[in-house]
Amino acid sequence: MRTFTACLLTAALLGALGLLAQEVLTKLTFPTKNGTVTFDHRAHVGSANGDCTACHDKLFKPDAKAPLNYKLAIHKTAEMQKASCGACHRPGGTAFQSKGNCAKCHVKG
């Protein structure tokens, strides 16, 4: 009985930590000269049907301070290499392409 209780408590704690991690990383902001980019983690997790491996670790390290490698002048390169945000945000990708859609990510204000 003690083992069952310990396993149940461990599972509950791990679940709570997972939810906390998602809440902490709900929105990340990146100041750019073309306007601040806000990455909505929750929306992207939903788009990936909760599959964290769609992005982590192959596209991004699960670290809010890790570089995105999607800076000025490399949008096209990232799209061609299907790297960083360009893995999905490219012509024929699973999300809107970045070309011509600057205001969807970059907000001046």
C-alpha atoms as a PDB file:
ATOM      1  CA  MET A   1       0.000   0.000   0.000  1.00  0.00           C
ATOM      2  CA  ARG A   2       2.863   2.383   0.767  1.00  0.00           C
ATOM      3  CA  THR A   3       4.404   1.727  -2.636  1.00  0.00           C
ATOM      4  CA  PHE A   4       1.097   2.440  -4.370  1.00  0.00           C
ATOM      5  CA  THR A   5       0.646   5.668  -2.407  1.00  0.00           C
ATOM      6  CA  ALA A   6       4.220   6.745  -3.160  1.00  0.00           C
ATOM      7  CA  CYS A   7       3.731   6.041  -6.882  1.00  0.00           C
ATOM      8  CA  LEU A   8       0.439   7.931  -6.897  1.00  0.00           C
ATOM      9  CA  LEU A   9       1.997  10.944  -5.163  1.00  0.00           C
ATOM     10  CA  THR A  10       4.984  10.887  -7.522  1.00  0.00           C
ATOM     11  CA  ALA A  11       2.703  10.800 -10.568  1.00  0.00           C
ATOM     12  CA  ALA A  12       0.633  13.679  -9.195  1.00  0.00           C
ATOM     13  CA  LEU A  13       3.746  15.726  -8.480  1.00  0.00           C
ATOM     14  CA  LEU A  14       5.184  15.123 -11.945  1.00  0.00           C
ATOM     15  CA  GLY A  15       1.871  16.076 -13.535  1.00  0.00           C
ATOM     16  CA  ALA A  16       1.700  19.259 -11.487  1.00  0.00           C
ATOM     17  CA  LEU A  17       5.276  20.155 -12.432  1.00  0.00           C
ATOM     18  CA  GLY A  18       4.459  19.603 -16.107  1.00  0.00           C
ATOM     19  CA  LEU A  19       1.465  21.933 -15.890  1.00  0.00           C
ATOM     20  CA  LEU A  20       3.534  24.498 -14.012  1.00  0.00           C
ATOM     21  CA  ALA A  21       6.237  24.378 -16.687  1.00  0.00           C
ATOM     22  CA  GLN A  22       3.640  25.010 -19.399  1.00  0.00           C
ATOM     23  CA  GLU A  23       2.190  27.914 -17.434  1.00  0.00           C
ATOM     24  CA  VAL A  24       5.612  29.482 -16.863  1.00  0.00           C
ATOM     25  CA  LEU A  25       6.412  29.221 -20.563  1.00  0.00           C
ATOM     26  CA  THR A  26       3.008  30.343 -21.805  1.00  0.00           C
ATOM     27  CA  LYS A  27       4.366  33.430 -23.556  1.00  0.00           C
ATOM     28  CA  LEU A  28       7.918  34.357 -24.434  1.00  0.00           C
ATOM     29  CA  THR A  29       8.769  37.782 -25.846  1.00  0.00           C
ATOM     30  CA  PHE A  30      11.644  38.692 -28.116  1.00  0.00           C
ATOM     31  CA  PRO A  31      12.369  42.364 -28.787  1.00  0.00           C
ATOM     32  CA  THR A  32      13.377  43.004 -32.408  1.00  0.00           C
ATOM     33  CA  LYS A  33      13.908  46.151 -34.442  1.00  0.00           C
ATOM     34  CA  ASN A  34      10.821  45.241 -36.490  1.00  0.00           C
ATOM     35  CA  GLY A  35       8.610  44.952 -33.398  1.00  0.00           C
ATOM     36  CA  THR A  36       8.346  42.629 -30.438  1.00  0.00           C
ATOM     37  CA  VAL A  37       7.654  38.994 -31.216  1.00  0.00           C
ATOM     38  CA  THR A  38       5.531  37.148 -28.670  1.00  0.00           C
ATOM     39  CA  PHE A  39       5.691  33.378 -28.843  1.00  0.00           C
ATOM     40  CA  ASP A  40       2.526  31.813 -27.436  1.00  0.00           C
ATOM     41  CA  HIS A  41       3.706  28.431 -26.160  1.00  0.00           C
ATOM     42  CA  ARG A  42       0.212  27.246 -25.259  1.00  0.00           C
ATOM     43  CA  ALA A  43      -1.087  27.905 -28.796  1.00  0.00           C
ATOM     44  CA  HIS A  44       1.842  26.047 -30.346  1.00  0.00           C
ATOM     45  CA  VAL A  45       1.410  23.073 -27.998  1.00  0.00           C
ATOM     46  CA  GLY A  46      -2.219  22.960 -29.099  1.00  0.00           C
ATOM     47  CA  SER A  47      -1.223  23.076 -32.779  1.00  0.00           C
ATOM     48  CA  ALA A  48       1.131  20.152 -32.164  1.00  0.00           C
ATOM     49  CA  ASN A  49      -1.650  18.211 -30.394  1.00  0.00           C
ATOM     50  CA  GLY A  50       0.371  18.215 -27.189  1.00  0.00           C
ATOM     51  CA  ASP A  51       3.362  16.544 -28.843  1.00  0.00           C
ATOM     52  CA  CYS A  52       6.337  18.382 -27.342  1.00  0.00           C
ATOM     53  CA  THR A  53       8.728  16.357 -29.500  1.00  0.00           C
ATOM     54  CA  ALA A  54       7.393  18.156 -32.579  1.00  0.00           C
ATOM     55  CA  CYS A  55       9.723  21.015 -31.578  1.00  0.00           C
ATOM     56  CA  HIS A  56      11.833  19.826 -28.646  1.00  0.00           C
ATOM     57  CA  ASP A  57      14.760  18.984 -28.924  1.00  0.00           C
ATOM     58  CA  LYS A  58      15.120  18.836 -32.703  1.00  0.00           C
ATOM     59  CA  LEU A  59      14.196  22.494 -33.340  1.00  0.00           C
ATOM     60  CA  PHE A  60      14.498  24.173 -29.950  1.00  0.00           C
ATOM     61  CA  LYS A  61      16.107  23.350 -26.646  1.00  0.00           C
ATOM     62  CA  PRO A  62      13.486  23.370 -23.880  1.00  0.00           C
ATOM     63  CA  ASP A  63      15.090  26.457 -22.359  1.00  0.00           C
ATOM     64  CA  ALA A  64      13.527  29.929 -22.514  1.00  0.00           C
ATOM     65  CA  LYS A  65      17.003  31.459 -22.780  1.00  0.00           C
ATOM     66  CA  ALA A  66      18.201  29.284 -25.668  1.00  0.00           C
ATOM     67  CA  PRO A  67      18.619  31.135 -28.976  1.00  0.00           C
ATOM     68  CA  LEU A  68      15.873  30.747 -31.576  1.00  0.00           C
ATOM     69  CA  ASN A  69      18.252  31.137 -34.529  1.00  0.00           C
ATOM     70  CA  TYR A  70      15.533  32.884 -36.519  1.00  0.00           C
ATOM     71  CA  LYS A  71      16.907  36.408 -36.610  1.00  0.00           C
ATOM     72  CA  LEU A  72      16.891  39.077 -39.278  1.00  0.00           C
ATOM     73  CA  ALA A  73      18.105  37.929 -42.694  1.00  0.00           C
ATOM     74  CA  ILE A  74      17.857  34.239 -41.868  1.00  0.00           C
ATOM     75  CA  HIS A  75      14.087  33.724 -42.085  1.00  0.00           C
ATOM     76  CA  LYS A  76      14.539  32.452 -45.645  1.00  0.00           C
ATOM     77  CA  THR A  77      17.515  30.265 -44.666  1.00  0.00           C
ATOM     78  CA  ALA A  78      15.577  28.755 -41.753  1.00  0.00           C
ATOM     79  CA  GLU A  79      12.637  28.082 -44.054  1.00  0.00           C
ATOM     80  CA  MET A  80      14.838  26.404 -46.676  1.00  0.00           C
ATOM     81  CA  GLN A  81      16.560  24.283 -44.021  1.00  0.00           C
ATOM     82  CA  LYS A  82      13.279  23.629 -42.195  1.00  0.00           C
ATOM     83  CA  ALA A  83      14.960  24.826 -39.013  1.00  0.00           C
ATOM     84  CA  SER A  84      13.757  26.930 -36.093  1.00  0.00           C
ATOM     85  CA  CYS A  85      10.398  28.631 -36.765  1.00  0.00           C
ATOM     86  CA  GLY A  86      10.929  27.956 -40.476  1.00  0.00           C
ATOM     87  CA  ALA A  87      10.204  24.262 -39.934  1.00  0.00           C
ATOM     88  CA  CYS A  88       6.484  25.122 -39.913  1.00  0.00           C
ATOM     89  CA  HIS A  89       6.333  28.791 -40.983  1.00  0.00           C
ATOM     90  CA  ARG A  90       7.369  28.347 -44.625  1.00  0.00           C
ATOM     91  CA  PRO A  91       5.691  27.882 -47.981  1.00  0.00           C
ATOM     92  CA  GLY A  92       3.987  24.483 -47.838  1.00  0.00           C
ATOM     93  CA  GLY A  93       4.563  24.194 -44.086  1.00  0.00           C
ATOM     94  CA  THR A  94       1.979  23.393 -41.442  1.00  0.00           C
ATOM     95  CA  ALA A  95       1.576  27.079 -40.463  1.00  0.00           C
ATOM     96  CA  PHE A  96       1.418  30.427 -42.236  1.00  0.00           C
ATOM     97  CA  GLN A  97       4.599  31.362 -44.074  1.00  0.00           C
ATOM     98  CA  SER A  98       6.605  34.259 -42.699  1.00  0.00           C
ATOM     99  CA  LYS A  99       6.953  36.084 -46.033  1.00  0.00           C
ATOM    100  CA  GLY A 100       4.268  38.751 -46.254  1.00  0.00           C
ATOM    101  CA  ASN A 101       2.992  38.013 -42.746  1.00  0.00           C
ATOM    102  CA  CYS A 102       5.395  40.097 -40.655  1.00  0.00           C
ATOM    103  CA  ALA A 103       2.633  41.645 -38.542  1.00  0.00           C
ATOM    104  CA  LYS A 104       1.442  38.219 -37.378  1.00  0.00           C
ATOM    105  CA  CYS A 105       4.613  37.930 -35.285  1.00  0.00           C
ATOM    106  CA  HIS A 106       6.160  41.412 -35.122  1.00  0.00           C
ATOM    107  CA  VAL A 107       4.110  43.968 -33.152  1.00  0.00           C
ATOM    108  CA  LYS A 108       5.263  47.567 -32.928  1.00  0.00           C
ATOM    109  CA  GLY A 109       4.060  49.604 -30.072  1.00  0.00           C
END
